[in-house]
């Protein structure tokens, strides 16, 4: 059986960005399949009664340096987004739309770049649309479909599912019944995959 890593993420989550950058090499090493599960960071934090960095001045001040250090360690591009934290609901609904088509891989790449390299305001539907169109994707179609009731429901289900499984922030990974939180837990994720954790 192919080993699956469930990856709950939000493009507005800098630690999700860091984690995502390491997944291709993990897949090569393990032969695992990544199941991408768009979610909303703000919903998971609030509903789990977690305390987000922006509400604690010292923590929020520190986080930018922490992200920069991780990006340097992983040798990936990173620029602090001046619009962070931002409301990502339209963006993540658009991700649900993209998952239904054949362009998700490209959508995934350009959204990370727009958020954490180009520093764009991806809370703005027009900005999302423009980024997608410039990448040769159907920005009008993807953003337009993001308001469909079935898309809204699918994203809500992802968030409720993550919360029900114990998630309190992003990125969160599951390998079978084991949960792992944070970009700095990917070694444990890889260990779980290689040990062939049984599915719950």
N, C-alpha and C. Protein backbone atom coordinates (compact mmCIF):
# COMPACT_ATOMS: atom_id res chain seq x y z
N UNK A 1 0.85 -1.20 0.00
CA UNK A 1 0.00 0.00 0.00
C UNK A 1 0.88 1.25 0.00
N UNK A 2 0.54 2.20 -0.86
CA UNK A 2 1.28 3.46 -0.90
C UNK A 2 1.07 4.21 0.40
N UNK A 3 2.14 4.69 0.98
CA UNK A 3 2.04 5.44 2.22
C UNK A 3 1.62 6.87 1.92
N UNK A 4 0.65 7.35 2.64
CA UNK A 4 0.08 8.68 2.41
C UNK A 4 0.40 9.59 3.58
N UNK A 5 0.84 10.81 3.26
CA UNK A 5 1.02 11.86 4.24
C UNK A 5 -0.07 12.89 4.00
N UNK A 6 -0.95 13.06 4.97
CA UNK A 6 -1.99 14.08 4.86
C UNK A 6 -1.41 15.40 5.36
N UNK A 7 -1.51 16.42 4.54
CA UNK A 7 -0.87 17.71 4.79
C UNK A 7 -1.95 18.80 4.85
N UNK A 8 -2.31 19.21 6.06
CA UNK A 8 -3.22 20.33 6.25
C UNK A 8 -2.39 21.61 6.27
N UNK A 9 -2.76 22.55 5.43
CA UNK A 9 -1.93 23.75 5.27
C UNK A 9 -2.79 24.94 4.87
N UNK A 10 -2.16 26.11 4.94
CA UNK A 10 -2.78 27.37 4.51
C UNK A 10 -1.66 28.18 3.87
N UNK A 11 -1.91 28.75 2.69
CA UNK A 11 -0.88 29.55 2.03
C UNK A 11 -0.48 30.76 2.86
N UNK A 12 -1.33 31.19 3.77
CA UNK A 12 -0.98 32.33 4.61
C UNK A 12 -0.15 31.92 5.83
N UNK A 13 0.16 30.65 5.95
CA UNK A 13 0.96 30.14 7.07
C UNK A 13 2.42 30.03 6.66
N UNK A 14 3.30 30.85 7.22
CA UNK A 14 4.71 30.78 6.82
C UNK A 14 5.36 29.45 7.15
N UNK A 15 4.94 28.83 8.23
CA UNK A 15 5.52 27.53 8.57
C UNK A 15 5.03 26.44 7.63
N UNK A 16 3.82 26.59 7.09
CA UNK A 16 3.36 25.67 6.05
C UNK A 16 4.22 25.82 4.79
N UNK A 17 4.58 27.05 4.47
CA UNK A 17 5.46 27.32 3.33
C UNK A 17 6.80 26.61 3.50
N UNK A 18 7.37 26.73 4.69
CA UNK A 18 8.65 26.07 4.96
C UNK A 18 8.53 24.55 4.85
N UNK A 19 7.46 24.01 5.40
CA UNK A 19 7.25 22.57 5.34
C UNK A 19 7.07 22.08 3.91
N UNK A 20 6.26 22.81 3.15
CA UNK A 20 5.98 22.40 1.78
C UNK A 20 7.26 22.32 0.95
N UNK A 21 8.19 23.21 1.22
CA UNK A 21 9.43 23.24 0.45
C UNK A 21 10.26 21.97 0.65
N UNK A 22 10.08 21.29 1.76
CA UNK A 22 10.85 20.09 2.05
C UNK A 22 10.16 18.80 1.60
N UNK A 23 8.89 18.90 1.24
CA UNK A 23 8.14 17.69 0.92
C UNK A 23 8.64 16.96 -0.33
N UNK A 24 9.02 17.66 -1.41
CA UNK A 24 9.47 16.91 -2.60
C UNK A 24 10.62 15.95 -2.31
N UNK A 25 11.60 16.39 -1.53
CA UNK A 25 12.72 15.52 -1.21
C UNK A 25 12.28 14.36 -0.32
N UNK A 26 11.35 14.64 0.60
CA UNK A 26 10.83 13.59 1.46
C UNK A 26 10.13 12.52 0.62
N UNK A 27 9.38 12.96 -0.37
CA UNK A 27 8.68 12.02 -1.26
C UNK A 27 9.67 11.15 -2.02
N UNK A 28 10.76 11.76 -2.50
CA UNK A 28 11.77 11.00 -3.22
C UNK A 28 12.39 9.93 -2.32
N UNK A 29 12.67 10.32 -1.08
CA UNK A 29 13.32 9.38 -0.16
C UNK A 29 12.39 8.24 0.28
N UNK A 30 11.10 8.54 0.42
CA UNK A 30 10.20 7.58 1.04
C UNK A 30 9.22 6.91 0.08
N UNK A 31 8.99 7.52 -1.08
CA UNK A 31 7.97 7.01 -1.98
C UNK A 31 6.56 7.31 -1.53
N UNK A 32 6.44 8.20 -0.55
CA UNK A 32 5.11 8.56 -0.04
C UNK A 32 4.34 9.42 -1.03
N UNK A 33 3.04 9.46 -0.84
CA UNK A 33 2.15 10.35 -1.59
C UNK A 33 1.65 11.41 -0.64
N UNK A 34 1.65 12.66 -1.10
CA UNK A 34 1.14 13.76 -0.29
C UNK A 34 -0.31 14.01 -0.63
N UNK A 35 -1.17 13.99 0.37
CA UNK A 35 -2.57 14.36 0.18
C UNK A 35 -2.74 15.78 0.72
N UNK A 36 -2.87 16.73 -0.18
CA UNK A 36 -2.96 18.13 0.21
C UNK A 36 -4.37 18.45 0.70
N UNK A 37 -4.46 19.03 1.88
CA UNK A 37 -5.74 19.34 2.49
C UNK A 37 -5.79 20.81 2.89
N UNK A 38 -6.27 21.67 1.99
CA UNK A 38 -6.39 23.09 2.32
C UNK A 38 -7.24 23.29 3.57
N UNK A 39 -6.81 24.20 4.41
CA UNK A 39 -7.55 24.55 5.63
C UNK A 39 -7.33 26.03 5.89
N UNK A 40 -7.93 26.54 6.95
CA UNK A 40 -7.80 27.97 7.26
C UNK A 40 -7.13 28.10 8.61
N UNK A 41 -5.94 28.67 8.60
CA UNK A 41 -5.15 28.79 9.82
C UNK A 41 -5.93 29.48 10.93
N UNK A 42 -6.58 30.60 10.60
CA UNK A 42 -7.31 31.36 11.61
C UNK A 42 -8.40 30.55 12.28
N UNK A 43 -9.10 29.73 11.51
CA UNK A 43 -10.18 28.90 12.06
C UNK A 43 -9.61 27.89 13.05
N UNK A 44 -8.53 27.21 12.65
CA UNK A 44 -7.95 26.20 13.53
C UNK A 44 -7.42 26.81 14.82
N UNK A 45 -6.79 27.96 14.71
CA UNK A 45 -6.23 28.61 15.89
C UNK A 45 -7.34 29.06 16.84
N UNK A 46 -8.34 29.72 16.30
CA UNK A 46 -9.43 30.25 17.13
C UNK A 46 -10.24 29.12 17.75
N UNK A 47 -10.64 28.15 16.92
CA UNK A 47 -11.52 27.08 17.40
C UNK A 47 -10.83 26.15 18.40
N UNK A 48 -9.52 26.04 18.31
CA UNK A 48 -8.78 25.21 19.26
C UNK A 48 -8.35 26.00 20.49
N UNK A 49 -8.69 27.32 20.48
CA UNK A 49 -8.32 28.22 21.58
C UNK A 49 -6.80 28.35 21.73
N UNK A 50 -6.11 28.24 20.60
CA UNK A 50 -4.68 28.49 20.56
C UNK A 50 -4.44 30.00 20.60
N UNK A 51 -3.22 30.42 20.84
CA UNK A 51 -2.88 31.84 20.88
C UNK A 51 -1.96 32.17 19.71
N UNK A 52 -2.45 32.90 18.70
CA UNK A 52 -1.64 33.18 17.53
C UNK A 52 -0.55 34.21 17.82
N UNK A 53 0.60 34.13 17.12
CA UNK A 53 1.70 35.06 17.36
C UNK A 53 1.33 36.54 17.30
N UNK A 54 0.45 36.98 16.36
CA UNK A 54 0.16 38.41 16.29
C UNK A 54 -0.47 38.99 17.55
N UNK A 55 -1.04 38.13 18.40
CA UNK A 55 -1.68 38.65 19.62
C UNK A 55 -0.68 38.80 20.77
N UNK A 56 0.53 38.34 20.57
CA UNK A 56 1.58 38.45 21.58
C UNK A 56 2.73 39.23 20.97
N UNK A 57 2.89 40.51 21.29
CA UNK A 57 3.88 41.35 20.62
C UNK A 57 5.28 40.76 20.58
N UNK A 58 5.76 40.23 21.69
CA UNK A 58 7.12 39.68 21.71
C UNK A 58 7.24 38.47 20.77
N UNK A 59 6.21 37.63 20.77
CA UNK A 59 6.22 36.44 19.90
C UNK A 59 6.14 36.85 18.44
N UNK A 60 5.32 37.84 18.14
CA UNK A 60 5.15 38.29 16.76
C UNK A 60 6.44 38.92 16.25
N UNK A 61 7.12 39.64 17.13
CA UNK A 61 8.39 40.26 16.76
C UNK A 61 9.45 39.20 16.46
N UNK A 62 9.43 38.13 17.24
CA UNK A 62 10.42 37.07 17.10
C UNK A 62 10.19 36.21 15.86
N UNK A 63 8.91 36.01 15.49
CA UNK A 63 8.59 35.02 14.47
C UNK A 63 9.26 35.33 13.13
N UNK A 64 9.40 36.62 12.77
CA UNK A 64 10.00 36.98 11.48
C UNK A 64 11.44 36.48 11.41
N UNK A 65 12.19 36.64 12.51
CA UNK A 65 13.57 36.14 12.53
C UNK A 65 13.59 34.62 12.48
N UNK A 66 12.63 33.99 13.15
CA UNK A 66 12.58 32.53 13.16
C UNK A 66 12.34 31.99 11.76
N UNK A 67 11.38 32.59 11.05
CA UNK A 67 11.07 32.16 9.68
C UNK A 67 12.30 32.36 8.79
N UNK A 68 12.94 33.53 8.91
CA UNK A 68 14.13 33.81 8.10
C UNK A 68 15.22 32.76 8.33
N UNK A 69 15.44 32.40 9.59
CA UNK A 69 16.47 31.39 9.89
C UNK A 69 16.14 30.05 9.25
N UNK A 70 14.87 29.64 9.36
CA UNK A 70 14.47 28.38 8.75
C UNK A 70 14.64 28.43 7.23
N UNK A 71 14.24 29.54 6.62
CA UNK A 71 14.35 29.67 5.16
C UNK A 71 15.81 29.59 4.73
N UNK A 72 16.70 30.22 5.49
CA UNK A 72 18.12 30.14 5.18
C UNK A 72 18.64 28.72 5.35
N UNK A 73 18.17 28.05 6.38
CA UNK A 73 18.60 26.65 6.62
C UNK A 73 18.16 25.74 5.48
N UNK A 74 16.93 25.96 4.99
CA UNK A 74 16.41 25.14 3.90
C UNK A 74 16.84 25.65 2.53
N UNK A 75 17.49 26.83 2.50
CA UNK A 75 17.93 27.45 1.25
C UNK A 75 16.77 27.68 0.29
N UNK A 76 15.72 28.32 0.82
CA UNK A 76 14.56 28.66 -0.01
C UNK A 76 14.31 30.17 0.07
N UNK A 77 13.72 30.76 -0.98
CA UNK A 77 13.43 32.20 -0.97
C UNK A 77 12.39 32.53 0.09
N UNK A 78 12.55 33.67 0.72
CA UNK A 78 11.55 34.11 1.70
C UNK A 78 11.63 35.61 1.86
N UNK A 79 10.48 36.25 1.79
CA UNK A 79 10.34 37.66 2.13
C UNK A 79 9.12 37.80 3.03
N UNK A 80 9.27 38.54 4.11
CA UNK A 80 8.14 38.76 5.00
C UNK A 80 7.01 39.45 4.24
N UNK A 81 5.81 38.91 4.34
CA UNK A 81 4.67 39.51 3.64
C UNK A 81 4.09 40.63 4.50
N UNK A 82 4.08 41.87 3.98
CA UNK A 82 3.59 42.99 4.78
C UNK A 82 2.10 42.92 5.09
N UNK A 83 1.37 42.04 4.40
CA UNK A 83 -0.07 41.91 4.63
C UNK A 83 -0.40 40.83 5.66
N UNK A 84 0.60 40.13 6.15
CA UNK A 84 0.39 39.07 7.14
C UNK A 84 0.16 39.68 8.52
N UNK A 85 -0.81 39.15 9.30
CA UNK A 85 -1.71 38.04 8.96
C UNK A 85 -2.85 38.53 8.07
N UNK A 86 -3.30 37.66 7.20
CA UNK A 86 -4.37 38.04 6.29
C UNK A 86 -5.49 37.01 6.29
N UNK A 87 -6.64 37.43 5.83
CA UNK A 87 -7.82 36.56 5.78
C UNK A 87 -7.71 35.69 4.52
N UNK A 88 -7.59 34.39 4.70
CA UNK A 88 -7.25 33.51 3.58
C UNK A 88 -8.41 32.69 3.05
N UNK A 89 -9.63 33.02 3.43
CA UNK A 89 -10.75 32.15 3.09
C UNK A 89 -10.97 32.03 1.58
N UNK A 90 -10.89 33.14 0.83
CA UNK A 90 -11.08 33.07 -0.61
C UNK A 90 -9.93 32.29 -1.25
N UNK A 91 -8.73 32.53 -0.78
CA UNK A 91 -7.55 31.84 -1.30
C UNK A 91 -7.66 30.33 -1.12
N UNK A 92 -8.07 29.91 0.06
CA UNK A 92 -8.13 28.48 0.33
C UNK A 92 -9.34 27.82 -0.35
N UNK A 93 -10.40 28.59 -0.56
CA UNK A 93 -11.50 28.06 -1.37
C UNK A 93 -11.03 27.88 -2.81
N UNK A 94 -10.23 28.82 -3.29
CA UNK A 94 -9.68 28.70 -4.64
C UNK A 94 -8.80 27.45 -4.75
N UNK A 95 -8.07 27.14 -3.68
CA UNK A 95 -7.25 25.93 -3.67
C UNK A 95 -8.12 24.68 -3.80
N UNK A 96 -9.28 24.69 -3.15
CA UNK A 96 -10.21 23.57 -3.27
C UNK A 96 -10.69 23.42 -4.71
N UNK A 97 -10.93 24.54 -5.37
CA UNK A 97 -11.33 24.49 -6.79
C UNK A 97 -10.20 23.90 -7.62
N UNK A 98 -8.98 24.41 -7.40
CA UNK A 98 -7.83 23.95 -8.18
C UNK A 98 -7.59 22.45 -8.00
N UNK A 99 -7.88 21.95 -6.82
CA UNK A 99 -7.68 20.52 -6.57
C UNK A 99 -8.59 19.65 -7.43
N UNK A 100 -9.69 20.20 -7.89
CA UNK A 100 -10.64 19.44 -8.69
C UNK A 100 -10.21 19.34 -10.16
N UNK A 101 -9.25 20.19 -10.55
CA UNK A 101 -8.79 20.20 -11.94
C UNK A 101 -7.42 19.57 -12.09
N UNK A 102 -6.79 19.91 -13.21
CA UNK A 102 -5.47 19.36 -13.53
C UNK A 102 -4.34 20.34 -13.27
N UNK A 103 -4.67 21.50 -12.70
CA UNK A 103 -3.68 22.56 -12.56
C UNK A 103 -3.26 22.80 -11.11
N UNK A 104 -3.56 21.86 -10.21
CA UNK A 104 -3.28 22.12 -8.80
C UNK A 104 -1.81 22.33 -8.53
N UNK A 105 -0.95 21.52 -9.14
CA UNK A 105 0.49 21.64 -8.87
C UNK A 105 1.00 23.04 -9.21
N UNK A 106 0.55 23.58 -10.34
CA UNK A 106 0.99 24.92 -10.71
C UNK A 106 0.34 25.98 -9.82
N UNK A 107 -0.94 25.81 -9.52
CA UNK A 107 -1.62 26.71 -8.59
C UNK A 107 -0.85 26.75 -7.26
N UNK A 108 -0.49 25.59 -6.77
CA UNK A 108 0.21 25.46 -5.50
C UNK A 108 1.53 26.23 -5.52
N UNK A 109 2.28 26.07 -6.59
CA UNK A 109 3.57 26.77 -6.70
C UNK A 109 3.41 28.28 -6.74
N UNK A 110 2.48 28.75 -7.56
CA UNK A 110 2.38 30.20 -7.74
C UNK A 110 1.80 30.89 -6.51
N UNK A 111 0.95 30.20 -5.75
CA UNK A 111 0.40 30.81 -4.54
C UNK A 111 1.47 30.96 -3.46
N UNK A 112 2.30 29.93 -3.30
CA UNK A 112 3.40 30.06 -2.33
C UNK A 112 4.32 31.22 -2.71
N UNK A 113 4.66 31.29 -3.99
CA UNK A 113 5.56 32.36 -4.45
C UNK A 113 4.94 33.73 -4.25
N UNK A 114 3.67 33.86 -4.61
CA UNK A 114 3.00 35.16 -4.47
C UNK A 114 2.95 35.61 -3.02
N UNK A 115 2.76 34.65 -2.12
CA UNK A 115 2.62 34.99 -0.70
C UNK A 115 3.95 35.26 -0.03
N UNK A 116 4.93 34.35 -0.20
CA UNK A 116 6.15 34.40 0.61
C UNK A 116 7.42 34.78 -0.14
N UNK A 117 7.28 35.06 -1.43
CA UNK A 117 8.40 35.66 -2.16
C UNK A 117 8.04 37.06 -2.64
N UNK A 118 6.82 37.20 -3.20
CA UNK A 118 6.42 38.48 -3.77
C UNK A 118 5.67 39.37 -2.79
N UNK A 119 5.22 38.82 -1.66
CA UNK A 119 4.56 39.63 -0.63
C UNK A 119 3.24 40.24 -1.05
N UNK A 120 2.46 39.53 -1.84
CA UNK A 120 1.20 40.07 -2.34
C UNK A 120 0.07 39.87 -1.34
N UNK A 121 -0.96 40.68 -1.51
CA UNK A 121 -2.13 40.61 -0.63
C UNK A 121 -3.11 39.58 -1.17
N UNK A 122 -2.94 38.35 -0.78
CA UNK A 122 -3.79 37.28 -1.29
C UNK A 122 -5.12 37.16 -0.57
N UNK A 123 -5.43 38.14 0.27
CA UNK A 123 -6.78 38.24 0.80
C UNK A 123 -7.70 38.88 -0.23
N UNK A 124 -7.12 39.49 -1.24
CA UNK A 124 -7.86 40.21 -2.28
C UNK A 124 -8.10 39.27 -3.46
N UNK A 125 -9.36 39.01 -3.76
CA UNK A 125 -9.71 38.09 -4.85
C UNK A 125 -9.15 38.55 -6.19
N UNK A 126 -9.11 39.87 -6.40
CA UNK A 126 -8.57 40.39 -7.67
C UNK A 126 -7.08 40.10 -7.80
N UNK A 127 -6.36 40.15 -6.68
CA UNK A 127 -4.94 39.83 -6.70
C UNK A 127 -4.74 38.36 -7.02
N UNK A 128 -5.53 37.50 -6.40
CA UNK A 128 -5.45 36.06 -6.67
C UNK A 128 -5.71 35.81 -8.16
N UNK A 129 -6.76 36.43 -8.66
CA UNK A 129 -7.14 36.25 -10.07
C UNK A 129 -5.99 36.67 -11.00
N UNK A 130 -5.39 37.81 -10.70
CA UNK A 130 -4.29 38.32 -11.52
C UNK A 130 -3.09 37.39 -11.50
N UNK A 131 -2.72 36.93 -10.32
CA UNK A 131 -1.59 36.01 -10.18
C UNK A 131 -1.82 34.74 -11.01
N UNK A 132 -3.02 34.21 -10.94
CA UNK A 132 -3.34 32.99 -11.68
C UNK A 132 -3.33 33.23 -13.19
N UNK A 133 -3.92 34.33 -13.61
CA UNK A 133 -3.94 34.64 -15.04
C UNK A 133 -2.53 34.82 -15.59
N UNK A 134 -1.68 35.49 -14.82
CA UNK A 134 -0.30 35.71 -15.25
C UNK A 134 0.48 34.41 -15.33
N UNK A 135 0.04 33.41 -14.56
CA UNK A 135 0.70 32.10 -14.59
C UNK A 135 0.13 31.20 -15.67
N UNK A 136 -0.81 31.72 -16.45
CA UNK A 136 -1.42 30.93 -17.51
C UNK A 136 -2.56 30.05 -17.06
N UNK A 137 -3.03 30.28 -15.84
CA UNK A 137 -4.17 29.53 -15.32
C UNK A 137 -5.45 30.33 -15.51
N UNK A 138 -6.58 29.67 -15.30
CA UNK A 138 -7.87 30.32 -15.47
C UNK A 138 -8.26 31.03 -14.17
N UNK A 139 -7.67 32.19 -13.96
CA UNK A 139 -7.93 32.93 -12.73
C UNK A 139 -9.39 33.28 -12.55
N UNK A 140 -10.03 33.71 -13.63
CA UNK A 140 -11.44 34.09 -13.53
C UNK A 140 -12.29 32.88 -13.15
N UNK A 141 -12.02 31.74 -13.79
CA UNK A 141 -12.80 30.55 -13.51
C UNK A 141 -12.57 30.01 -12.11
N UNK A 142 -11.32 29.98 -11.68
CA UNK A 142 -11.00 29.43 -10.36
C UNK A 142 -11.57 30.30 -9.25
N UNK A 143 -11.33 31.61 -9.35
CA UNK A 143 -11.83 32.51 -8.30
C UNK A 143 -13.36 32.56 -8.34
N UNK A 144 -13.92 32.54 -9.54
CA UNK A 144 -15.38 32.57 -9.64
C UNK A 144 -16.02 31.35 -9.01
N UNK A 145 -15.40 30.19 -9.18
CA UNK A 145 -15.96 28.96 -8.64
C UNK A 145 -15.75 28.82 -7.14
N UNK A 146 -14.90 29.67 -6.58
CA UNK A 146 -14.60 29.56 -5.14
C UNK A 146 -15.81 29.86 -4.26
N UNK A 147 -16.81 30.54 -4.82
CA UNK A 147 -18.00 30.86 -4.05
C UNK A 147 -19.09 29.79 -4.14
N UNK A 148 -18.82 28.73 -4.88
CA UNK A 148 -19.82 27.67 -5.02
C UNK A 148 -20.08 27.01 -3.67
N UNK A 149 -21.34 26.72 -3.34
CA UNK A 149 -21.66 26.12 -2.04
C UNK A 149 -20.89 24.85 -1.75
N UNK A 150 -20.67 24.01 -2.77
CA UNK A 150 -19.97 22.76 -2.53
C UNK A 150 -18.49 22.98 -2.20
N UNK A 151 -17.92 24.05 -2.73
CA UNK A 151 -16.52 24.39 -2.42
C UNK A 151 -16.42 24.91 -0.99
N UNK A 152 -17.33 25.80 -0.63
CA UNK A 152 -17.35 26.31 0.74
C UNK A 152 -17.50 25.16 1.75
N UNK A 153 -18.39 24.23 1.42
CA UNK A 153 -18.63 23.10 2.32
C UNK A 153 -17.41 22.20 2.41
N UNK A 154 -16.75 21.97 1.29
CA UNK A 154 -15.57 21.09 1.29
C UNK A 154 -14.45 21.67 2.15
N UNK A 155 -14.25 22.98 2.09
CA UNK A 155 -13.22 23.61 2.92
C UNK A 155 -13.63 23.57 4.39
N UNK A 156 -14.90 23.80 4.65
CA UNK A 156 -15.37 23.73 6.04
C UNK A 156 -15.14 22.33 6.61
N UNK A 157 -15.43 21.31 5.80
CA UNK A 157 -15.23 19.93 6.24
C UNK A 157 -13.76 19.67 6.55
N UNK A 158 -12.86 20.17 5.71
CA UNK A 158 -11.42 19.99 5.97
C UNK A 158 -11.04 20.58 7.33
N UNK A 159 -11.54 21.79 7.61
CA UNK A 159 -11.22 22.44 8.88
C UNK A 159 -11.80 21.67 10.06
N UNK A 160 -13.04 21.25 9.94
CA UNK A 160 -13.67 20.49 11.01
C UNK A 160 -12.98 19.14 11.22
N UNK A 161 -12.58 18.53 10.13
CA UNK A 161 -11.87 17.26 10.21
C UNK A 161 -10.54 17.42 10.94
N UNK A 162 -9.80 18.46 10.58
CA UNK A 162 -8.51 18.72 11.24
C UNK A 162 -8.70 18.96 12.73
N UNK A 163 -9.67 19.78 13.08
CA UNK A 163 -9.94 20.06 14.49
C UNK A 163 -10.35 18.79 15.22
N UNK A 164 -11.18 18.00 14.59
CA UNK A 164 -11.64 16.76 15.22
C UNK A 164 -10.53 15.76 15.46
N UNK A 165 -9.46 15.88 14.68
CA UNK A 165 -8.33 14.97 14.83
C UNK A 165 -7.26 15.53 15.76
N UNK A 166 -7.53 16.72 16.32
CA UNK A 166 -6.60 17.27 17.31
C UNK A 166 -5.74 18.41 16.83
N UNK A 167 -5.92 18.88 15.59
CA UNK A 167 -5.09 19.97 15.08
C UNK A 167 -5.40 21.28 15.79
N UNK A 168 -4.38 22.09 15.99
CA UNK A 168 -4.53 23.39 16.65
C UNK A 168 -3.78 24.50 15.92
N UNK A 169 -3.24 24.17 14.78
CA UNK A 169 -2.51 25.14 13.97
C UNK A 169 -2.03 24.46 12.70
N UNK A 170 -1.24 25.18 11.91
CA UNK A 170 -0.74 24.65 10.64
C UNK A 170 0.74 25.00 10.49
N UNK A 171 1.49 24.11 9.82
CA UNK A 171 1.08 22.88 9.15
C UNK A 171 0.87 21.73 10.13
N UNK A 172 -0.09 20.89 9.79
CA UNK A 172 -0.33 19.67 10.55
C UNK A 172 -0.32 18.49 9.58
N UNK A 173 0.37 17.44 9.98
CA UNK A 173 0.50 16.24 9.15
C UNK A 173 -0.08 15.04 9.89
N UNK A 174 -0.63 14.12 9.12
CA UNK A 174 -1.05 12.84 9.66
C UNK A 174 -0.45 11.73 8.82
N UNK A 175 0.14 10.76 9.50
CA UNK A 175 0.56 9.51 8.87
C UNK A 175 -0.21 8.43 9.61
N UNK A 176 -1.25 7.91 8.96
CA UNK A 176 -2.14 7.01 9.67
C UNK A 176 -2.81 7.77 10.80
N UNK A 177 -2.75 7.21 11.99
CA UNK A 177 -3.37 7.86 13.14
C UNK A 177 -2.45 8.79 13.90
N UNK A 178 -1.21 8.98 13.42
CA UNK A 178 -0.25 9.82 14.13
C UNK A 178 -0.27 11.24 13.60
N UNK A 179 -0.35 12.22 14.51
CA UNK A 179 -0.35 13.63 14.15
C UNK A 179 1.01 14.25 14.43
N UNK A 180 1.43 15.14 13.52
CA UNK A 180 2.67 15.88 13.68
C UNK A 180 2.41 17.34 13.33
N UNK A 181 2.87 18.26 14.17
CA UNK A 181 2.61 19.68 13.97
C UNK A 181 3.93 20.42 13.76
N UNK A 182 3.98 21.24 12.71
CA UNK A 182 5.11 22.14 12.52
C UNK A 182 6.09 21.68 11.45
N UNK A 183 6.74 22.65 10.82
CA UNK A 183 7.73 22.33 9.79
C UNK A 183 8.94 21.61 10.37
N UNK A 184 9.17 21.78 11.67
CA UNK A 184 10.33 21.16 12.31
C UNK A 184 10.04 19.74 12.80
N UNK A 185 8.90 19.18 12.40
CA UNK A 185 8.58 17.80 12.77
C UNK A 185 8.63 16.84 11.58
N UNK A 186 9.15 17.32 10.46
CA UNK A 186 9.14 16.48 9.26
C UNK A 186 10.06 15.26 9.39
N UNK A 187 11.07 15.34 10.22
CA UNK A 187 11.90 14.15 10.45
C UNK A 187 11.05 13.04 11.08
N UNK A 188 10.16 13.45 12.00
CA UNK A 188 9.27 12.47 12.63
C UNK A 188 8.26 11.93 11.62
N UNK A 189 7.79 12.82 10.74
CA UNK A 189 6.86 12.39 9.68
C UNK A 189 7.54 11.33 8.82
N UNK A 190 8.76 11.60 8.43
CA UNK A 190 9.49 10.64 7.59
C UNK A 190 9.71 9.33 8.32
N UNK A 191 10.07 9.40 9.59
CA UNK A 191 10.25 8.18 10.37
C UNK A 191 8.97 7.35 10.39
N UNK A 192 7.83 8.03 10.60
CA UNK A 192 6.54 7.33 10.66
C UNK A 192 6.23 6.64 9.33
N UNK A 193 6.53 7.34 8.24
CA UNK A 193 6.29 6.75 6.93
C UNK A 193 7.16 5.51 6.72
N UNK A 194 8.44 5.63 7.05
CA UNK A 194 9.37 4.53 6.82
C UNK A 194 9.11 3.34 7.76
N UNK A 195 8.51 3.64 8.90
CA UNK A 195 8.19 2.55 9.83
C UNK A 195 6.88 1.86 9.45
N UNK A 196 6.20 2.42 8.43
CA UNK A 196 4.97 1.80 7.97
C UNK A 196 3.87 1.83 9.00
N UNK A 197 3.63 3.01 9.58
CA UNK A 197 2.57 3.14 10.57
C UNK A 197 1.26 2.62 10.01
N UNK A 198 0.59 1.80 10.76
CA UNK A 198 -0.69 1.25 10.32
C UNK A 198 -1.77 2.32 10.35
N UNK A 199 -2.64 2.28 9.37
CA UNK A 199 -3.72 3.25 9.30
C UNK A 199 -4.78 2.95 10.34
N UNK A 200 -5.22 4.01 11.06
CA UNK A 200 -6.22 3.85 12.10
C UNK A 200 -7.60 3.65 11.45
